[in-house]
Amino acid sequence: MNKVKLRKNGQLYIPKTLTKILNITVGDIINIFIDGKKIVLTSKEGFEKENKCTYNQKGTIHIPAEIRKLNNIDTEAVFIITIDEKEKRVYLIPDLTG
């Protein structure tokens, strides 16, 4: 799976392959921040000033409204996933092709 779709309520399903890369389980905190036009997800420490969300039992996280507004992300947006396994980061890039 190389794409994910944002739900109307701002939730995003995290596929199992990404949970393994991020090394997260239910209840873990994920840091969310913007890098250019990309949304970055990481479970690494050292991001005390970043937005955070909890990985829940439904396999989803919530992308904060301020992140969505800053990146002009509409509800039901589709993202292309790129992965940096060394840095334990997942990049969500808006898919502008529709």
C-alpha atoms as a PDB file:
ATOM      1  CA  MET A   1       0.000   0.000   0.000  1.00  0.00           C
ATOM      2  CA  ASN A   2       1.525   3.299  -1.033  1.00  0.00           C
ATOM      3  CA  LYS A   3      -1.471   5.598  -0.458  1.00  0.00           C
ATOM      4  CA  VAL A   4      -3.790   6.403   2.441  1.00  0.00           C
ATOM      5  CA  LYS A   5      -6.980   8.449   2.555  1.00  0.00           C
ATOM      6  CA  LEU A   6      -7.897  10.984   5.218  1.00  0.00           C
ATOM      7  CA  ARG A   7     -11.359  10.472   6.659  1.00  0.00           C
ATOM      8  CA  LYS A   8     -13.845  13.329   7.008  1.00  0.00           C
ATOM      9  CA  ASN A   9     -13.157  13.602  10.747  1.00  0.00           C
ATOM     10  CA  GLY A  10      -9.403  14.010  10.217  1.00  0.00           C
ATOM     11  CA  GLN A  11      -8.534  10.416  11.040  1.00  0.00           C
ATOM     12  CA  LEU A  12      -6.024   8.444   9.063  1.00  0.00           C
ATOM     13  CA  TYR A  13      -5.711   4.651   9.052  1.00  0.00           C
ATOM     14  CA  ILE A  14      -2.128   3.512   9.618  1.00  0.00           C
ATOM     15  CA  PRO A  15      -1.369   0.259   7.751  1.00  0.00           C
ATOM     16  CA  LYS A  16       0.420  -2.515   9.670  1.00  0.00           C
ATOM     17  CA  THR A  17       3.584  -2.100   7.605  1.00  0.00           C
ATOM     18  CA  LEU A  18       3.872   1.491   8.853  1.00  0.00           C
ATOM     19  CA  THR A  19       3.252   0.552  12.490  1.00  0.00           C
ATOM     20  CA  LYS A  20       6.212  -1.810  12.231  1.00  0.00           C
ATOM     21  CA  ILE A  21       8.447   0.888  10.750  1.00  0.00           C
ATOM     22  CA  LEU A  22       7.373   3.425  13.380  1.00  0.00           C
ATOM     23  CA  ASN A  23       7.570   0.715  16.054  1.00  0.00           C
ATOM     24  CA  ILE A  24       4.218   1.671  17.551  1.00  0.00           C
ATOM     25  CA  THR A  25       1.445  -0.172  19.344  1.00  0.00           C
ATOM     26  CA  VAL A  26      -1.957   0.918  20.621  1.00  0.00           C
ATOM     27  CA  GLY A  27      -1.602   3.818  23.063  1.00  0.00           C
ATOM     28  CA  ASP A  28       1.773   5.006  21.771  1.00  0.00           C
ATOM     29  CA  ILE A  29       2.305   8.680  20.996  1.00  0.00           C
ATOM     30  CA  ILE A  30       3.114   9.780  17.451  1.00  0.00           C
ATOM     31  CA  ASN A  31       4.712  13.137  16.659  1.00  0.00           C
ATOM     32  CA  ILE A  32       3.180  14.978  13.714  1.00  0.00           C
ATOM     33  CA  PHE A  33       4.761  17.959  12.009  1.00  0.00           C
ATOM     34  CA  ILE A  34       5.090  19.663   8.649  1.00  0.00           C
ATOM     35  CA  ASP A  35       8.191  19.546   6.456  1.00  0.00           C
ATOM     36  CA  GLY A  36       7.441  21.678   3.413  1.00  0.00           C
ATOM     37  CA  LYS A  37       4.293  20.185   1.874  1.00  0.00           C
ATOM     38  CA  LYS A  38       4.804  16.845   3.635  1.00  0.00           C
ATOM     39  CA  ILE A  39       3.252  15.704   6.877  1.00  0.00           C
ATOM     40  CA  VAL A  40       5.786  13.782   8.935  1.00  0.00           C
ATOM     41  CA  LEU A  41       4.910  11.022  11.406  1.00  0.00           C
ATOM     42  CA  THR A  42       7.523   9.703  13.808  1.00  0.00           C
ATOM     43  CA  SER A  43       7.588   7.914  17.124  1.00  0.00           C
ATOM     44  CA  LYS A  44      11.142   9.004  17.928  1.00  0.00           C
ATOM     45  CA  GLU A  45      11.780  11.123  21.004  1.00  0.00           C
ATOM     46  CA  GLY A  46      13.026  14.688  20.845  1.00  0.00           C
ATOM     47  CA  PHE A  47       9.965  16.340  19.368  1.00  0.00           C
ATOM     48  CA  GLU A  48       8.545  17.930  22.519  1.00  0.00           C
ATOM     49  CA  LYS A  49       7.234  21.012  20.677  1.00  0.00           C
ATOM     50  CA  GLU A  50       5.454  19.101  17.914  1.00  0.00           C
ATOM     51  CA  ASN A  51       1.823  18.071  17.599  1.00  0.00           C
ATOM     52  CA  LYS A  52       1.135  14.661  19.040  1.00  0.00           C
ATOM     53  CA  CYS A  53      -1.573  12.067  18.718  1.00  0.00           C
ATOM     54  CA  THR A  54      -2.206   8.622  20.125  1.00  0.00           C
ATOM     55  CA  TYR A  55      -2.270   5.535  17.951  1.00  0.00           C
ATOM     56  CA  ASN A  56      -5.620   3.990  18.834  1.00  0.00           C
ATOM     57  CA  GLN A  57      -7.107   0.511  18.873  1.00  0.00           C
ATOM     58  CA  LYS A  58      -8.874   1.078  15.546  1.00  0.00           C
ATOM     59  CA  GLY A  59      -5.503   1.518  13.854  1.00  0.00           C
ATOM     60  CA  THR A  60      -5.975   5.237  13.259  1.00  0.00           C
ATOM     61  CA  ILE A  61      -4.444   8.541  14.258  1.00  0.00           C
ATOM     62  CA  HIS A  62      -5.968  12.012  14.103  1.00  0.00           C
ATOM     63  CA  ILE A  63      -4.240  14.633  11.964  1.00  0.00           C
ATOM     64  CA  PRO A  64      -4.685  17.895  13.930  1.00  0.00           C
ATOM     65  CA  ALA A  65      -6.844  20.602  12.331  1.00  0.00           C
ATOM     66  CA  GLU A  66      -3.991  23.143  12.425  1.00  0.00           C
ATOM     67  CA  ILE A  67      -1.765  20.811  10.376  1.00  0.00           C
ATOM     68  CA  ARG A  68      -4.566  20.290   7.864  1.00  0.00           C
ATOM     69  CA  LYS A  69      -5.181  24.044   7.626  1.00  0.00           C
ATOM     70  CA  LEU A  70      -1.499  24.927   7.244  1.00  0.00           C
ATOM     71  CA  ASN A  71      -1.170  22.474   4.356  1.00  0.00           C
ATOM     72  CA  ASN A  72      -4.584  23.273   2.813  1.00  0.00           C
ATOM     73  CA  ILE A  73      -5.681  19.670   3.184  1.00  0.00           C
ATOM     74  CA  ASP A  74      -9.319  18.956   2.495  1.00  0.00           C
ATOM     75  CA  THR A  75     -11.256  16.158   4.106  1.00  0.00           C
ATOM     76  CA  GLU A  76     -10.896  12.880   2.280  1.00  0.00           C
ATOM     77  CA  ALA A  77      -7.491  13.900   0.887  1.00  0.00           C
ATOM     78  CA  VAL A  78      -5.298  11.111  -0.413  1.00  0.00           C
ATOM     79  CA  PHE A  79      -1.633  10.892   0.546  1.00  0.00           C
ATOM     80  CA  ILE A  80       1.282   9.124  -1.062  1.00  0.00           C
ATOM     81  CA  ILE A  81       3.406   7.416   1.571  1.00  0.00           C
ATOM     82  CA  THR A  82       7.181   7.584   1.576  1.00  0.00           C
ATOM     83  CA  ILE A  83       9.270   6.013   4.294  1.00  0.00           C
ATOM     84  CA  ASP A  84      12.614   6.800   5.879  1.00  0.00           C
ATOM     85  CA  GLU A  85      13.340   3.607   7.816  1.00  0.00           C
ATOM     86  CA  LYS A  86      16.676   4.884   9.119  1.00  0.00           C
ATOM     87  CA  GLU A  87      15.055   7.929  10.745  1.00  0.00           C
ATOM     88  CA  LYS A  88      11.864   6.013  11.620  1.00  0.00           C
ATOM     89  CA  ARG A  89       9.735   8.567   9.782  1.00  0.00           C
ATOM     90  CA  VAL A  90       6.741   8.272   7.520  1.00  0.00           C
ATOM     91  CA  TYR A  91       6.063  11.107   5.088  1.00  0.00           C
ATOM     92  CA  LEU A  92       2.547  11.800   3.859  1.00  0.00           C
ATOM     93  CA  ILE A  93       2.603  13.740   0.602  1.00  0.00           C
ATOM     94  CA  PRO A  94      -0.721  15.065  -0.722  1.00  0.00           C
ATOM     95  CA  ASP A  95      -1.615  13.269  -3.952  1.00  0.00           C
ATOM     96  CA  LEU A  96      -2.632  16.094  -6.260  1.00  0.00           C
ATOM     97  CA  THR A  97      -3.460  13.781  -9.143  1.00  0.00           C
ATOM     98  CA  GLY A  98      -6.872  13.048  -7.608  1.00  0.00           C
END
